[in-house]
Amino acid sequence: MKRCPVCESRIIGRSDKKFCSTKCKSVHQYETRQKTEAFYFEIDRQLKINRKILKTYNYKGYTTVRKSALLNDGFNPGFFTHYWKNSRGDVYFFVYDYGFLDLKKSGKNKYLIVQWQEYMRK
């Protein structure tokens, strides 16, 4: 008599059946994925947090914000999806469609936040 590895119920049906129900099979696959892809989920979560924070502060399309404000909200500048370099050599780091540039204005550390524009594709 075979038992389900998730809920310990008796398995009825085919001899090669591994789970008692589709629910238990789904639970097993979810738990396995959480373990094997933990690093991916951690990075994806931080990217989503970063994008949400940039979007919140950038309600005009082009904004300058104190670096400390973003960092206090959970922003981590080490997580970004791509970068863009302008003609002056400034490197903007993007989290999907929102980018930030590290600035020092009036002796204070700030980020210039921009939204991705089509001309940046080239």
Protein backbone atom coordinates (compact mmCIF):
# COMPACT_ATOMS: atom_id res chain seq x y z
CA MET A 1 0.00 0.00 0.00
CA LYS A 2 1.54 3.28 -1.16
CA ARG A 3 1.24 6.55 0.77
CA CYS A 4 1.22 10.11 -0.54
CA PRO A 5 4.52 11.89 0.32
CA VAL A 6 2.64 15.13 1.08
CA CYS A 7 -0.37 14.16 3.21
CA GLU A 8 0.37 10.48 4.00
CA SER A 9 -3.02 9.40 2.58
CA ARG A 10 -3.40 6.06 0.87
CA ILE A 11 -2.90 6.25 -2.91
CA ILE A 12 -5.62 4.63 -4.95
CA GLY A 13 -5.29 4.11 -8.69
CA ARG A 14 -2.48 3.31 -11.08
CA SER A 15 0.55 1.44 -9.75
CA ASP A 16 2.92 4.24 -10.80
CA LYS A 17 0.85 7.03 -9.20
CA LYS A 18 2.93 9.10 -6.75
CA PHE A 19 0.37 11.46 -5.18
CA CYS A 20 -3.16 10.99 -3.93
CA SER A 21 -4.50 14.09 -5.68
CA THR A 22 -3.59 16.91 -8.02
CA LYS A 23 -3.58 19.24 -5.01
CA CYS A 24 -0.85 17.20 -3.27
CA LYS A 25 1.13 17.01 -6.52
CA SER A 26 0.90 20.80 -6.87
CA VAL A 27 1.95 21.34 -3.23
CA HIS A 28 4.97 19.09 -3.75
CA GLN A 29 6.02 20.88 -6.94
CA TYR A 30 5.62 24.29 -5.25
CA GLU A 31 7.71 23.30 -2.21
CA THR A 32 10.41 21.78 -4.40
CA ARG A 33 10.58 24.92 -6.54
CA GLN A 34 10.81 27.14 -3.44
CA LYS A 35 13.90 25.19 -2.35
CA THR A 36 15.66 24.82 -5.69
CA GLU A 37 14.99 28.36 -6.94
CA ALA A 38 15.34 30.31 -3.67
CA PHE A 39 18.15 32.48 -5.06
CA TYR A 40 16.08 33.42 -8.11
CA PHE A 41 13.07 34.33 -5.96
CA GLU A 42 15.24 36.49 -3.68
CA ILE A 43 16.61 38.50 -6.62
CA ASP A 44 13.22 38.78 -8.30
CA ARG A 45 11.67 40.04 -5.05
CA GLN A 46 14.33 42.75 -4.66
CA LEU A 47 13.96 43.86 -8.29
CA LYS A 48 10.21 44.23 -7.79
CA ILE A 49 10.79 46.23 -4.58
CA ASN A 50 13.30 48.48 -6.36
CA ARG A 51 10.94 49.13 -9.27
CA LYS A 52 8.03 49.89 -6.97
CA ILE A 53 10.13 52.40 -4.98
CA LEU A 54 11.46 54.13 -8.12
CA LYS A 55 7.95 54.33 -9.57
CA THR A 56 6.58 55.79 -6.32
CA TYR A 57 9.15 58.58 -6.22
CA ASN A 58 9.11 59.26 -9.96
CA TYR A 59 5.57 60.51 -10.44
CA LYS A 60 6.70 63.26 -12.87
CA GLY A 61 8.93 61.18 -15.13
CA TYR A 62 12.14 62.92 -14.03
CA THR A 63 12.91 63.45 -10.32
CA THR A 64 15.82 63.97 -7.95
CA VAL A 65 15.54 62.25 -4.56
CA ARG A 66 17.86 61.93 -1.59
CA LYS A 67 19.65 58.61 -1.63
CA SER A 68 18.87 58.03 2.05
CA ALA A 69 15.10 58.25 1.39
CA LEU A 70 15.25 55.43 -1.15
CA LEU A 71 17.56 53.29 0.96
CA ASN A 72 15.31 53.69 4.02
CA ASP A 73 12.38 52.41 1.95
CA GLY A 74 14.28 49.20 1.09
CA PHE A 75 15.86 50.21 -2.21
CA ASN A 76 19.04 48.26 -3.02
CA PRO A 77 21.08 49.86 -5.85
CA GLY A 78 23.00 46.62 -6.40
CA PHE A 79 19.95 45.05 -8.06
CA PHE A 80 19.13 46.33 -11.55
CA THR A 81 18.21 44.81 -14.90
CA HIS A 82 20.28 46.85 -17.36
CA TYR A 83 22.11 50.12 -17.83
CA TRP A 84 22.23 52.99 -20.31
CA LYS A 85 25.10 55.38 -20.95
CA ASN A 86 24.31 58.86 -22.25
CA SER A 87 26.50 61.00 -24.53
CA ARG A 88 28.20 62.65 -21.53
CA GLY A 89 29.26 59.27 -20.18
CA ASP A 90 26.75 59.14 -17.29
CA VAL A 91 25.62 55.59 -16.56
CA TYR A 92 21.97 55.15 -15.60
CA PHE A 93 21.06 51.85 -13.95
CA PHE A 94 17.57 50.62 -14.79
CA VAL A 95 15.12 48.37 -12.99
CA TYR A 96 12.97 47.44 -15.95
CA ASP A 97 11.52 50.79 -17.06
CA TYR A 98 12.77 53.07 -14.24
CA GLY A 99 16.37 54.20 -14.02
CA PHE A 100 18.53 55.97 -11.49
CA LEU A 101 21.77 57.94 -11.67
CA ASP A 102 23.99 58.46 -8.63
CA LEU A 103 24.51 62.22 -8.10
CA LYS A 104 26.10 64.52 -5.57
CA LYS A 105 24.22 67.86 -5.47
CA SER A 106 24.84 70.58 -2.90
CA GLY A 107 27.05 68.20 -0.93
CA LYS A 108 24.24 65.64 -0.60
CA ASN A 109 24.03 62.19 -2.13
CA LYS A 110 21.02 61.89 -4.42
CA TYR A 111 19.56 59.77 -7.16
CA LEU A 112 18.20 61.18 -10.37
CA ILE A 113 15.25 58.98 -11.31
CA VAL A 114 14.11 58.73 -14.94
CA GLN A 115 11.70 56.65 -16.93
CA TRP A 116 12.85 54.62 -19.94
CA GLN A 117 12.43 56.46 -23.25
CA GLU A 118 12.45 55.00 -26.74
CA TYR A 119 15.54 57.00 -27.79
CA MET A 120 17.56 55.11 -25.15
CA ARG A 121 17.19 51.89 -27.11
CA LYS A 122 19.94 52.92 -29.57
